[in-house]
Amino acid sequence: MAAAAAGLRCCFPGSSAIGSGFAKPSSSGWGWCAGAVAAPSREAEPVASLGQRTRVDFPILHQEFDGAKLVYFDNGATSQKPSSVMKTLDDYYRSYNSNVHRGIHALSAKATDAYESARRKVANFVNAPNSREIIFTRNATEAINLVAYSWGLSNLKQGDEIVLTVAEHHSAIVPWQFVSQKTGATLKYVGLTKEEVPDIEQLKGLLSNKTKIVVVHHVSNVLGSMLPIEEIVTWSNRVGAKVLVDACQSIPHMPVDVQKLGADFLVASSHKMCGPTGVGFLHGKIDILSSMEPFLGGGEMIADVFQDKSTYAEPPSRFEAGTPAIGEAIGMGAAIDYLTCIGMDRIHEYEKELASYLYESLISVPNVRIYGPAPSQTDHRAPLCSFNVENIHPTDIAQILDLQVFSSLSFDHFILYINSCIVFS
């Protein structure tokens, strides 16, 4: 029997866990991109892995505990930050800290330029056709709530249906529960197959003219499985349904092209892609965003204010009320620069090797139960792994790993619903 309906998750990141996996990276190496810490030349270590070559860029990984190097496995919760991102944040607060879009002085102009440059970087990173389609939010959770309230409350009614999978993060479920309670719309859940991946055929069968929006992850933060978003979008379009994609666990790990995926909405968080906390983004098709009501009121989201009414700015300003997380958005742009410099294809290929090594190593350990598909069962299994050890509580395992200088996540509540859908044995 498993100790609890919970588990332990290990996750390699887009680049920070590249340098903190099972391989034994040395502290020597070289800075991968501009702004990285200076280090020996390539000739000094000609066969170094991508992990060894990037680990030096992350100051937090330079720590040692009782002579052992820190190994960070909690990237599914938040990633570590390279020196270039921290330098960008420091430069903003030291050199041009100012509000954006509301001053004509030099500092405000510089801050505004950097802030909007970050928006363009995000747009380019996900291949959005227009930077106006990028809305800065506090995080992916707020981005989902924005869609749920601004689009959902205006477009859903009694009898309509919202389709989700049981493997969604609760941040992608709870907002739609709120909206369904307010509108009378019904939530329809897609279950798991025997391979413990969302049942895509069941999803296809649930779609009807009652379906108004489909809410799915790109990569599961629990199962490590990847959904065929392009197919889901095609099926959904046939019945006139919108699609919202939670890309938090794919954006840091692989190339993501919103035009190729075709989803109406896509959300992600900066802090999981080597950027600062407190900022994320929503990508939405511009025609849909232009038809949506504001999510919050005040600040730059207005065009004109009268005593009895207001008119609203065009996107993205319409959805960015108040003073935004300016430095954090600029820092997210620096994180994108860092990942782009390495190359998302290169990161993805290296992580596939790590994912296979992680899975095969864990499955060889007696009494370990891994959740989700084996790498051979799908085209891609993400570099994360949820598992239980027979007769040992996951919190105990996490604490033991922590004593061995492994930082991991023991989780009980981020995926409450899926706990009831998997037989823990």
Protein backbone atom coordinates (compact mmCIF):
# COMPACT_ATOMS: atom_id res chain seq x y z
CA MET A 1 0.00 0.00 0.00
CA ALA A 2 1.17 3.48 -0.75
CA ALA A 3 1.49 5.67 2.28
CA ALA A 4 -0.94 8.28 1.04
CA ALA A 5 -2.84 9.52 -1.98
CA ALA A 6 -0.02 11.89 -2.69
CA GLY A 7 3.44 11.54 -4.06
CA LEU A 8 6.89 12.87 -4.62
CA ARG A 9 7.77 14.76 -7.76
CA CYS A 10 11.18 15.27 -9.28
CA CYS A 11 11.50 17.63 -12.21
CA PHE A 12 14.36 18.71 -14.43
CA PRO A 13 13.97 22.36 -15.54
CA GLY A 14 14.34 24.05 -18.88
CA SER A 15 17.87 25.01 -17.98
CA SER A 16 18.37 25.21 -14.23
CA ALA A 17 17.79 21.51 -13.73
CA ILE A 18 19.88 20.88 -16.79
CA GLY A 19 22.74 21.42 -14.43
CA SER A 20 21.33 19.58 -11.45
CA GLY A 21 20.27 16.13 -12.58
CA PHE A 22 21.57 12.67 -11.83
CA ALA A 23 24.77 13.34 -13.72
CA LYS A 24 27.53 14.71 -11.51
CA PRO A 25 28.29 18.13 -12.95
CA SER A 26 31.44 19.82 -11.79
CA SER A 27 31.46 23.40 -10.60
CA SER A 28 33.79 24.28 -13.45
CA GLY A 29 32.42 25.11 -16.86
CA TRP A 30 31.71 28.28 -18.75
CA GLY A 31 28.96 30.80 -18.95
CA TRP A 32 26.54 29.75 -21.65
CA CYS A 33 25.14 33.15 -22.54
CA ALA A 34 25.89 36.81 -22.08
CA GLY A 35 25.79 37.84 -18.44
CA ALA A 36 26.86 34.46 -17.12
CA VAL A 37 29.63 34.05 -14.58
CA ALA A 38 33.09 33.90 -16.11
CA ALA A 39 34.66 30.44 -16.12
CA PRO A 40 37.32 28.35 -17.85
CA SER A 41 37.49 28.07 -21.62
CA ARG A 42 35.86 25.34 -23.67
CA GLU A 43 39.23 23.62 -24.13
CA ALA A 44 39.35 22.97 -20.38
CA GLU A 45 36.33 20.68 -20.54
CA PRO A 46 35.67 19.58 -24.13
CA VAL A 47 33.19 16.79 -23.30
CA ALA A 48 31.05 18.67 -20.79
CA SER A 49 27.30 18.09 -21.01
CA LEU A 50 24.78 20.85 -21.48
CA GLY A 51 24.07 20.50 -17.77
CA GLN A 52 27.67 21.04 -16.79
CA ARG A 53 27.94 24.01 -19.12
CA THR A 54 24.90 25.80 -17.71
CA ARG A 55 25.13 24.95 -14.03
CA VAL A 56 27.74 27.67 -13.54
CA ASP A 57 25.14 30.28 -14.57
CA PHE A 58 23.01 29.60 -11.47
CA PRO A 59 24.59 31.04 -8.30
CA ILE A 60 22.25 29.16 -5.96
CA LEU A 61 23.64 25.85 -7.27
CA HIS A 62 27.16 26.82 -6.23
CA GLN A 63 26.27 26.07 -2.60
CA GLU A 64 27.63 23.04 -0.81
CA PHE A 65 26.26 21.32 2.27
CA ASP A 66 28.74 19.22 4.24
CA GLY A 67 30.90 19.12 1.13
CA ALA A 68 28.10 17.97 -1.18
CA LYS A 69 26.72 20.01 -4.06
CA LEU A 70 23.11 21.11 -4.04
CA VAL A 71 20.89 19.13 -6.42
CA TYR A 72 17.61 20.93 -7.12
CA PHE A 73 14.64 18.80 -8.19
CA ASP A 74 11.76 21.16 -7.40
CA ASN A 75 11.63 22.88 -10.77
CA GLY A 76 8.04 21.83 -11.35
CA ALA A 77 7.17 24.24 -8.52
CA THR A 78 9.66 27.00 -9.37
CA SER A 79 12.93 27.17 -11.25
CA GLN A 80 16.19 28.75 -10.19
CA LYS A 81 17.42 31.96 -11.81
CA PRO A 82 20.57 32.53 -13.86
CA SER A 83 22.89 35.42 -13.08
CA SER A 84 21.76 37.31 -16.17
CA VAL A 85 18.17 37.49 -14.88
CA MET A 86 19.27 38.71 -11.45
CA LYS A 87 21.52 41.31 -13.05
CA THR A 88 18.63 42.58 -15.18
CA LEU A 89 16.42 42.98 -12.11
CA ASP A 90 19.22 44.71 -10.24
CA ASP A 91 19.87 47.07 -13.16
CA TYR A 92 16.20 48.05 -13.31
CA TYR A 93 15.93 48.91 -9.61
CA ARG A 94 19.32 50.62 -9.50
CA SER A 95 19.24 52.52 -12.78
CA TYR A 96 15.76 53.23 -14.15
CA ASN A 97 13.09 52.26 -11.64
CA SER A 98 9.98 54.16 -12.71
CA ASN A 99 6.36 53.63 -13.64
CA VAL A 100 5.44 52.78 -17.22
CA HIS A 101 3.11 54.41 -19.74
CA ARG A 102 2.42 57.41 -17.52
CA GLY A 103 5.48 59.66 -17.44
CA ILE A 104 7.42 61.72 -19.97
CA HIS A 105 10.69 61.84 -18.07
CA ALA A 106 13.74 59.82 -19.08
CA LEU A 107 13.43 57.10 -16.43
CA SER A 108 9.79 56.42 -17.30
CA ALA A 109 10.61 56.29 -21.00
CA LYS A 110 13.43 53.81 -20.41
CA ALA A 111 11.29 51.63 -18.13
CA THR A 112 8.42 51.68 -20.64
CA ASP A 113 10.73 50.71 -23.49
CA ALA A 114 12.18 47.81 -21.47
CA TYR A 115 8.72 46.67 -20.34
CA GLU A 116 7.32 46.64 -23.87
CA SER A 117 10.50 45.02 -25.15
CA ALA A 118 9.82 42.17 -22.70
CA ARG A 119 6.33 41.81 -24.17
CA ARG A 120 7.80 41.53 -27.66
CA LYS A 121 10.28 38.92 -26.40
CA VAL A 122 7.42 36.83 -25.01
CA ALA A 123 5.53 37.17 -28.29
CA ASN A 124 8.57 36.07 -30.30
CA PHE A 125 9.28 33.22 -27.87
CA VAL A 126 5.85 31.65 -28.47
CA ASN A 127 5.61 32.89 -32.09
CA ALA A 128 2.59 35.10 -31.46
CA PRO A 129 1.72 37.14 -34.57
CA ASN A 130 1.26 40.35 -32.57
CA SER A 131 2.69 41.47 -29.23
CA ARG A 132 -0.74 42.95 -28.42
CA GLU A 133 -1.83 39.34 -27.91
CA ILE A 134 0.44 39.06 -24.84
CA ILE A 135 -1.16 40.10 -21.53
CA PHE A 136 1.10 40.34 -18.49
CA THR A 137 -0.45 38.82 -15.36
CA ARG A 138 0.79 37.98 -11.86
CA ASN A 139 1.09 34.31 -12.79
CA ALA A 140 -0.63 31.58 -14.82
CA THR A 141 -3.33 31.23 -12.16
CA GLU A 142 -4.36 34.85 -12.64
CA ALA A 143 -4.24 34.40 -16.41
CA ILE A 144 -6.70 31.50 -16.19
CA ASN A 145 -8.95 33.49 -13.87
CA LEU A 146 -8.84 36.39 -16.35
CA VAL A 147 -10.19 34.14 -19.10
CA ALA A 148 -12.72 32.49 -16.80
CA TYR A 149 -14.20 35.77 -15.59
CA SER A 150 -13.73 38.07 -18.58
CA TRP A 151 -14.62 35.55 -21.28
CA GLY A 152 -16.50 32.91 -19.31
CA LEU A 153 -19.05 35.08 -17.50
CA SER A 154 -19.99 36.78 -20.77
CA ASN A 155 -20.17 33.69 -22.96
CA LEU A 156 -21.45 30.84 -20.78
CA LYS A 157 -25.03 30.13 -19.76
CA GLN A 158 -27.26 27.39 -18.38
CA GLY A 159 -26.81 24.19 -20.38
CA ASP A 160 -23.37 25.04 -21.77
CA GLU A 161 -20.48 22.69 -21.05
CA ILE A 162 -16.85 23.18 -20.02
CA VAL A 163 -14.56 20.21 -20.76
CA LEU A 164 -11.48 19.59 -18.59
CA THR A 165 -9.27 16.62 -17.75
CA VAL A 166 -8.88 15.19 -14.27
CA ALA A 167 -5.13 15.79 -14.61
CA GLU A 168 -5.42 19.59 -14.59
CA HIS A 169 -3.73 21.65 -11.90
CA HIS A 170 -6.44 22.89 -9.53
CA SER A 171 -5.65 26.43 -10.67
CA ALA A 172 -7.18 25.40 -13.98
CA ILE A 173 -10.22 23.77 -12.35
CA VAL A 174 -11.35 26.05 -9.51
CA PRO A 175 -11.90 29.21 -11.62
CA TRP A 176 -14.22 27.26 -13.90
CA GLN A 177 -16.07 25.84 -10.90
CA PHE A 178 -16.70 29.44 -9.80
CA VAL A 179 -17.89 30.39 -13.28
CA SER A 180 -20.11 27.32 -13.63
CA GLN A 181 -21.79 28.15 -10.32
CA LYS A 182 -22.48 31.70 -11.52
CA THR A 183 -23.63 30.80 -15.04
CA GLY A 184 -25.20 27.36 -14.72
CA ALA A 185 -22.71 25.83 -17.15
CA THR A 186 -21.71 22.20 -16.52
CA LEU A 187 -18.21 20.83 -15.98
CA LYS A 188 -17.37 17.67 -17.92
CA TYR A 189 -14.24 15.75 -16.93
CA VAL A 190 -12.04 13.53 -19.07
CA GLY A 191 -10.65 10.53 -17.18
CA LEU A 192 -7.40 8.61 -17.49
CA THR A 193 -6.50 5.56 -19.54
CA LYS A 194 -4.87 2.48 -18.04
CA GLU A 195 -1.54 4.06 -19.02
CA GLU A 196 -2.47 6.98 -16.72
CA VAL A 197 -2.75 9.61 -19.40
CA PRO A 198 -5.87 11.67 -20.17
CA ASP A 199 -8.23 9.69 -22.39
CA ILE A 200 -8.17 11.65 -25.63
CA GLU A 201 -10.85 9.51 -27.25
CA GLN A 202 -13.15 10.22 -24.32
CA LEU A 203 -12.40 13.93 -24.71
CA LYS A 204 -13.29 13.75 -28.39
CA GLY A 205 -16.52 11.97 -27.52
CA LEU A 206 -17.52 14.59 -24.95
CA LEU A 207 -17.38 17.43 -27.46
CA SER A 208 -20.75 18.63 -28.75
CA ASN A 209 -22.55 21.82 -29.69
CA LYS A 210 -23.00 22.35 -25.94
CA THR A 211 -19.22 22.57 -25.45
CA LYS A 212 -18.10 26.19 -25.21
CA ILE A 213 -14.53 25.85 -23.93
CA VAL A 214 -11.98 23.06 -23.46
CA VAL A 215 -9.38 23.58 -20.71
CA VAL A 216 -6.32 21.34 -20.98
CA HIS A 217 -2.66 21.21 -20.02
CA HIS A 218 0.06 20.92 -22.62
CA VAL A 219 2.28 18.85 -20.30
CA SER A 220 0.93 17.42 -17.03
CA ASN A 221 2.69 18.65 -13.89
CA VAL A 222 1.95 15.28 -12.28
CA LEU A 223 1.92 12.58 -14.96
CA GLY A 224 4.59 13.98 -17.26
CA SER A 225 2.36 13.24 -20.24
CA MET A 226 1.92 15.56 -23.22
CA LEU A 227 -1.42 16.19 -24.90
CA PRO A 228 -1.91 16.54 -28.70
CA ILE A 229 -3.08 20.15 -28.56
CA GLU A 230 -3.34 20.60 -32.32
CA GLU A 231 -5.77 17.68 -32.58
CA ILE A 232 -7.79 18.88 -29.59
CA VAL A 233 -8.05 22.34 -31.16
CA THR A 234 -9.22 20.84 -34.47
CA TRP A 235 -11.92 18.78 -32.75
CA SER A 236 -13.01 21.71 -30.60
CA ASN A 237 -13.22 24.08 -33.56
CA ARG A 238 -15.63 21.71 -35.28
CA VAL A 239 -18.17 22.28 -32.51
CA GLY A 240 -17.38 25.97 -32.10
CA ALA A 241 -15.59 25.61 -28.76
CA LYS A 242 -12.68 27.70 -27.55
CA VAL A 243 -9.50 26.06 -26.17
CA LEU A 244 -7.40 27.24 -23.20
CA VAL A 245 -3.98 25.61 -22.76
CA ASP A 246 -1.99 25.55 -19.53
CA ALA A 247 1.58 25.62 -20.86
CA CYS A 248 3.41 26.10 -17.55
CA GLN A 249 5.23 22.77 -17.84
CA SER A 250 5.97 22.98 -21.57
CA ILE A 251 7.11 26.57 -22.13
CA PRO A 252 10.41 26.07 -20.17
CA HIS A 253 11.19 22.71 -21.75
CA MET A 254 10.47 22.77 -25.48
CA PRO A 255 9.66 25.09 -28.37
CA VAL A 256 6.03 26.26 -28.13
CA ASP A 257 4.40 27.85 -31.18
CA VAL A 258 0.98 29.32 -30.47
CA GLN A 259 0.18 29.67 -34.16
CA LYS A 260 0.94 26.01 -34.76
CA LEU A 261 -0.99 24.86 -31.69
CA GLY A 262 -3.95 27.04 -32.66
CA ALA A 263 -5.40 27.43 -29.15
CA ASP A 264 -7.48 30.52 -28.39
CA PHE A 265 -5.76 31.07 -25.04
CA LEU A 266 -2.43 29.91 -23.60
CA VAL A 267 -1.00 30.70 -20.16
CA ALA A 268 2.42 30.37 -18.51
CA SER A 269 4.39 31.63 -15.50
CA SER A 270 7.77 33.35 -15.53
CA HIS A 271 9.06 31.67 -12.38
CA LYS A 272 8.97 28.22 -13.97
CA MET A 273 11.07 29.37 -16.93
CA CYS A 274 14.07 30.79 -15.03
CA GLY A 275 12.40 34.18 -14.59
CA PRO A 276 11.22 36.14 -11.54
CA THR A 277 8.16 35.34 -9.46
CA GLY A 278 5.12 37.60 -9.56
CA VAL A 279 4.66 37.73 -13.32
CA GLY A 280 3.26 35.48 -16.02
CA PHE A 281 1.38 35.91 -19.25
CA LEU A 282 -1.73 35.12 -21.19
CA HIS A 283 -1.63 34.73 -24.94
CA GLY A 284 -5.00 35.27 -26.55
CA LYS A 285 -6.09 35.70 -30.13
CA ILE A 286 -6.49 39.42 -30.68
CA ASP A 287 -10.05 39.24 -32.04
CA ILE A 288 -11.18 37.38 -28.92
CA LEU A 289 -9.31 39.68 -26.54
CA SER A 290 -10.82 42.72 -28.25
CA SER A 291 -14.32 41.36 -27.61
CA MET A 292 -13.73 40.69 -23.89
CA GLU A 293 -14.66 42.91 -20.96
CA PRO A 294 -11.90 44.05 -18.56
CA PHE A 295 -10.98 41.73 -15.70
CA LEU A 296 -10.01 44.46 -13.21
CA GLY A 297 -10.71 48.18 -13.13
CA GLY A 298 -8.35 51.15 -12.80
CA GLY A 299 -5.03 52.41 -14.04
CA GLU A 300 -4.09 51.94 -17.67
CA MET A 301 -7.09 49.78 -18.60
CA ILE A 302 -9.26 52.82 -19.37
CA ALA A 303 -9.49 55.07 -22.42
CA ASP A 304 -11.74 57.73 -20.84
CA VAL A 305 -13.40 58.06 -17.43
CA PHE A 306 -16.67 59.92 -16.88
CA GLN A 307 -18.76 60.21 -13.73
CA ASP A 308 -21.25 57.60 -14.86
CA LYS A 309 -19.20 55.37 -17.16
CA SER A 310 -15.80 54.60 -18.63
CA THR A 311 -14.50 53.46 -21.96
CA TYR A 312 -11.77 50.85 -22.15
CA ALA A 313 -8.35 50.73 -23.72
CA GLU A 314 -7.50 48.22 -26.40
CA PRO A 315 -5.65 45.02 -25.46
CA PRO A 316 -3.22 44.47 -23.86
CA SER A 317 -3.74 47.57 -21.67
CA ARG A 318 -7.40 46.67 -21.13
CA PHE A 319 -6.32 43.71 -19.00
CA GLU A 320 -3.39 45.29 -17.14
CA ALA A 321 -5.03 47.43 -14.47
CA GLY A 322 -2.82 49.35 -12.06
CA THR A 323 0.96 49.46 -11.82
CA PRO A 324 2.28 46.17 -13.19
CA ALA A 325 5.23 44.08 -12.03
CA ILE A 326 7.60 46.13 -14.16
CA GLY A 327 10.97 44.81 -13.03
CA GLU A 328 9.66 41.26 -12.99
CA ALA A 329 8.34 41.51 -16.55
CA ILE A 330 11.70 42.87 -17.70
CA GLY A 331 13.35 40.01 -15.81
CA MET A 332 11.11 37.53 -17.62
CA GLY A 333 12.40 39.01 -20.86
CA ALA A 334 15.95 38.34 -19.65
CA ALA A 335 15.00 34.73 -18.86
CA ILE A 336 13.69 34.36 -22.40
CA ASP A 337 16.97 35.77 -23.71
CA TYR A 338 18.83 33.15 -21.66
CA LEU A 339 16.71 30.21 -22.83
CA THR A 340 16.77 31.42 -26.43
CA CYS A 341 20.55 31.73 -26.32
CA ILE A 342 20.84 28.09 -25.31
CA GLY A 343 18.15 27.05 -27.79
CA MET A 344 14.83 25.44 -26.92
CA ASP A 345 15.41 22.57 -29.34
CA ARG A 346 18.73 21.86 -27.64
CA ILE A 347 17.11 22.00 -24.20
CA HIS A 348 14.32 19.68 -25.33
CA GLU A 349 16.69 17.09 -26.78
CA TYR A 350 18.90 17.11 -23.69
CA GLU A 351 15.91 16.82 -21.38
CA LYS A 352 14.61 13.78 -23.27
CA GLU A 353 17.85 12.05 -22.33
CA LEU A 354 17.45 13.15 -18.70
CA ALA A 355 13.79 12.08 -18.64
CA SER A 356 14.66 8.61 -19.88
CA TYR A 357 17.50 8.31 -17.36
CA LEU A 358 15.27 9.52 -14.53
CA TYR A 359 12.49 7.06 -15.39
CA GLU A 360 14.74 4.04 -15.95
CA SER A 361 16.71 4.75 -12.77
CA LEU A 362 13.61 5.09 -10.60
CA ILE A 363 11.83 2.08 -12.06
CA SER A 364 14.83 -0.09 -11.18
CA VAL A 365 14.45 0.76 -7.48
CA PRO A 366 12.44 -1.88 -5.56
CA ASN A 367 8.98 -0.85 -4.29
CA VAL A 368 8.88 2.39 -6.29
CA ARG A 369 5.60 3.14 -8.09
CA ILE A 370 5.87 5.71 -10.91
CA TYR A 371 2.74 7.51 -12.14
CA GLY A 372 2.05 8.34 -15.74
CA PRO A 373 3.26 6.79 -18.99
CA ALA A 374 6.58 5.13 -19.65
CA PRO A 375 8.72 7.04 -22.17
CA SER A 376 8.02 4.37 -24.78
CA GLN A 377 4.25 4.73 -24.47
CA THR A 378 4.09 8.26 -25.84
CA ASP A 379 6.10 10.38 -28.23
CA HIS A 380 7.39 12.36 -25.29
CA ARG A 381 7.41 12.08 -21.54
CA ALA A 382 8.34 15.33 -19.81
CA PRO A 383 11.40 15.40 -17.54
CA LEU A 384 9.39 15.07 -14.34
CA CYS A 385 8.34 12.05 -12.36
CA SER A 386 5.72 11.50 -9.65
CA PHE A 387 6.26 8.39 -7.58
CA ASN A 388 5.55 6.65 -4.29
CA VAL A 389 7.70 4.24 -2.31
CA GLU A 390 5.77 1.35 -0.77
CA ASN A 391 5.04 1.78 2.95
CA ILE A 392 6.89 5.10 3.18
CA HIS A 393 5.08 8.42 3.37
CA PRO A 394 6.09 10.81 0.56
CA THR A 395 6.90 13.54 3.08
CA ASP A 396 9.41 11.21 4.72
CA ILE A 397 11.04 10.49 1.36
CA ALA A 398 11.24 14.21 0.62
CA GLN A 399 12.87 14.87 3.98
CA ILE A 400 15.38 12.07 3.47
CA LEU A 401 16.28 13.45 0.05
CA ASP A 402 16.63 16.92 1.55
CA LEU A 403 19.13 15.57 4.06
CA GLN A 404 21.06 14.19 1.08
CA VAL A 405 21.08 17.71 -0.47
CA PHE A 406 18.30 16.95 -2.95
CA SER A 407 15.56 19.59 -3.13
CA SER A 408 12.30 17.95 -4.21
CA LEU A 409 8.57 18.48 -3.79
CA SER A 410 6.20 16.38 -1.72
CA PHE A 411 2.74 17.34 -2.88
CA ASP A 412 -0.70 16.70 -1.48
CA HIS A 413 -3.02 19.44 -2.69
CA PHE A 414 -2.07 20.80 -6.11
CA ILE A 415 -3.72 17.83 -7.79
CA LEU A 416 -6.41 16.84 -5.29
CA TYR A 417 -8.87 15.67 -7.92
CA ILE A 418 -6.45 13.36 -9.71
CA ASN A 419 -5.72 11.61 -6.40
CA SER A 420 -9.21 10.13 -6.53
CA CYS A 421 -8.74 8.99 -10.13
CA ILE A 422 -5.54 6.95 -9.70
CA VAL A 423 -5.47 3.74 -7.71
CA PHE A 424 -2.48 4.06 -5.39
CA SER A 425 -1.28 0.53 -4.80
